[in-house]
Amino acid sequence: MRRIKLDLQNPAGAEGLPKRGDLRRWCEAAIGSRDGRCKLVIRIVDEGEGASLNRRYRHQWGPTNVLSFPWEGPSGKKWHFLGDLVICEPVVCREAGAQGKAARAHWAHLVVHGVLHLLGFDHGSEGEALVMEALEQQLLADLGFSDPYA
């Protein structure tokens, strides 16, 4: 039985994306052993849509790599909807190259990072950042990826 339902949206038709099964596995790793079954949306966007959403919701200019939109809905549903992740494919690819990382490893990091935000983790303070980064490092190591902050 699947523990997560993933709605993958790719309106810009980006190519070379990670496989759906990998995206689901990375989401499941971040969700961990929490009770119940979860749903979430991953929307792959181009720089135009990424910049528009970043400006509207974060009041920042230009696209960013990942945006998380948690959703709080009624309880007692068969599936708990976590929210939406918006990932800007050109930014992810550019960052991976600039950081000397494999694109797949960077995708895994950003999916895990985004899902942790959906679950309520943040990095607004130094203490929060240390907790969140340590969890990301452990989850990614468990998935076979090196430290994304090294």
Protein backbone atom coordinates (compact mmCIF):
# COMPACT_ATOMS: atom_id res chain seq x y z
CA MET A 1 0.00 0.00 0.00
CA ARG A 2 1.32 3.43 -0.91
CA ARG A 3 1.61 5.89 1.92
CA ILE A 4 1.70 8.92 -0.36
CA LYS A 5 -0.28 10.12 -3.34
CA LEU A 6 1.75 12.42 -5.52
CA ASP A 7 0.19 14.75 -8.08
CA LEU A 8 3.02 15.74 -10.42
CA GLN A 9 2.32 18.80 -12.57
CA ASN A 10 4.66 19.88 -15.35
CA PRO A 11 2.84 22.62 -17.30
CA ALA A 12 6.04 23.94 -18.90
CA GLY A 13 6.92 20.48 -20.22
CA ALA A 14 10.33 20.37 -18.57
CA GLU A 15 12.38 17.36 -19.62
CA GLY A 16 15.00 15.35 -17.77
CA LEU A 17 13.09 15.39 -14.50
CA PRO A 18 13.60 12.74 -11.83
CA LYS A 19 11.32 9.72 -12.14
CA ARG A 20 7.97 9.86 -10.36
CA GLY A 21 9.02 6.89 -8.21
CA ASP A 22 12.14 8.75 -7.06
CA LEU A 23 10.13 11.87 -6.23
CA ARG A 24 7.67 9.75 -4.24
CA ARG A 25 10.49 7.95 -2.40
CA TRP A 26 12.13 11.26 -1.46
CA CYS A 27 8.79 12.59 -0.21
CA GLU A 28 8.17 9.43 1.80
CA ALA A 29 11.63 9.70 3.38
CA ALA A 30 10.88 13.24 4.57
CA ILE A 31 7.41 12.28 5.81
CA GLY A 32 8.93 9.38 7.73
CA SER A 33 6.87 7.24 10.03
CA ARG A 34 4.07 9.73 10.58
CA ASP A 35 0.70 8.07 10.89
CA GLY A 36 -1.69 8.02 8.00
CA ARG A 37 -1.49 8.47 4.28
CA CYS A 38 -0.58 11.78 2.70
CA LYS A 39 -1.17 13.60 -0.55
CA LEU A 40 0.86 16.41 -2.02
CA VAL A 41 1.41 18.24 -5.27
CA ILE A 42 4.77 18.84 -6.90
CA ARG A 43 4.49 21.46 -9.63
CA ILE A 44 7.49 21.93 -11.92
CA VAL A 45 7.64 25.49 -13.25
CA ASP A 46 9.70 27.67 -15.55
CA GLU A 47 11.47 30.83 -14.42
CA GLY A 48 8.55 33.09 -15.31
CA GLU A 49 6.05 31.25 -13.12
CA GLY A 50 8.65 30.74 -10.40
CA ALA A 51 9.45 34.47 -10.31
CA SER A 52 5.76 35.39 -10.27
CA LEU A 53 5.01 33.08 -7.33
CA ASN A 54 8.13 34.17 -5.43
CA ARG A 55 7.16 37.83 -5.85
CA ARG A 56 3.52 37.25 -4.88
CA TYR A 57 4.08 35.07 -1.82
CA ARG A 58 7.57 35.96 -0.57
CA HIS A 59 7.87 39.53 -1.93
CA GLN A 60 11.21 38.64 -3.53
CA TRP A 61 12.25 39.27 -7.11
CA GLY A 62 13.27 36.45 -9.41
CA PRO A 63 12.66 32.72 -9.23
CA THR A 64 13.79 30.54 -6.35
CA ASN A 65 14.50 26.82 -6.36
CA VAL A 66 11.57 25.56 -4.23
CA LEU A 67 8.47 27.09 -2.67
CA SER A 68 6.34 25.24 -0.13
CA PHE A 69 2.66 25.92 0.42
CA PRO A 70 1.42 23.94 3.43
CA TRP A 71 -2.29 23.28 3.69
CA GLU A 72 -4.31 22.88 6.84
CA GLY A 73 -7.60 21.22 6.17
CA PRO A 74 -10.24 19.30 8.05
CA SER A 75 -9.06 16.23 9.90
CA GLY A 76 -10.58 12.77 9.61
CA LYS A 77 -10.04 12.40 5.87
CA LYS A 78 -8.77 9.14 4.39
CA TRP A 79 -5.80 11.02 2.92
CA HIS A 80 -4.16 14.03 4.60
CA PHE A 81 -3.28 16.74 2.07
CA LEU A 82 0.10 18.26 3.02
CA GLY A 83 0.19 21.01 0.43
CA ASP A 84 2.06 22.02 -2.72
CA LEU A 85 5.73 22.15 -3.63
CA VAL A 86 6.67 24.38 -6.53
CA ILE A 87 10.08 23.58 -7.99
CA CYS A 88 11.69 25.79 -10.63
CA GLU A 89 13.49 23.36 -12.93
CA PRO A 90 15.89 25.86 -14.59
CA VAL A 91 17.01 27.17 -11.18
CA VAL A 92 17.57 23.63 -9.86
CA CYS A 93 19.71 22.71 -12.87
CA ARG A 94 21.68 25.96 -12.73
CA GLU A 95 22.34 25.59 -8.98
CA ALA A 96 23.43 21.97 -9.33
CA GLY A 97 25.98 22.98 -11.95
CA ALA A 98 27.23 25.96 -9.97
CA GLN A 99 27.58 23.84 -6.82
CA GLY A 100 29.25 20.94 -8.65
CA LYS A 101 26.47 18.53 -7.64
CA ALA A 102 24.68 15.89 -9.63
CA ALA A 103 21.27 17.26 -10.67
CA ARG A 104 19.55 14.18 -9.17
CA ALA A 105 21.16 14.82 -5.77
CA HIS A 106 20.07 18.46 -5.83
CA TRP A 107 16.51 17.46 -6.79
CA ALA A 108 16.43 15.00 -3.89
CA HIS A 109 17.64 17.66 -1.49
CA LEU A 110 15.07 20.22 -2.62
CA VAL A 111 12.20 17.73 -2.47
CA VAL A 112 13.18 16.66 1.06
CA HIS A 113 13.69 20.31 2.06
CA GLY A 114 10.32 21.34 0.65
CA VAL A 115 8.41 18.47 2.27
CA LEU A 116 10.00 19.31 5.63
CA HIS A 117 8.62 22.83 5.21
CA LEU A 118 5.17 21.33 4.52
CA LEU A 119 5.53 19.44 7.81
CA GLY A 120 6.27 22.65 9.73
CA PHE A 121 10.07 22.76 9.80
CA ASP A 122 11.71 26.12 9.16
CA HIS A 123 15.14 27.73 9.07
CA GLY A 124 14.26 31.27 10.08
CA SER A 125 16.53 31.23 13.12
CA GLU A 126 19.95 29.70 13.61
CA GLY A 127 18.54 27.03 15.95
CA GLU A 128 15.77 26.08 13.52
CA ALA A 129 18.27 25.94 10.67
CA LEU A 130 20.58 23.62 12.59
CA VAL A 131 17.71 21.22 13.35
CA MET A 132 16.35 21.27 9.81
CA GLU A 133 19.75 20.90 8.13
CA ALA A 134 20.74 17.99 10.39
CA LEU A 135 17.49 16.22 9.52
CA GLU A 136 18.03 16.86 5.79
CA GLN A 137 21.59 15.51 6.02
CA GLN A 138 20.39 12.33 7.77
CA LEU A 139 17.47 11.74 5.40
CA LEU A 140 19.63 12.27 2.32
CA ALA A 141 22.36 9.98 3.71
CA ASP A 142 19.69 7.31 4.26
CA LEU A 143 18.70 7.78 0.60
CA GLY A 144 22.31 7.37 -0.53
CA PHE A 145 23.18 11.02 -1.17
CA SER A 146 26.10 12.98 0.23
CA ASP A 147 25.77 15.98 2.55
CA PRO A 148 24.07 18.75 0.55
CA TYR A 149 25.76 21.40 2.69
CA ALA A 150 29.33 20.09 2.33
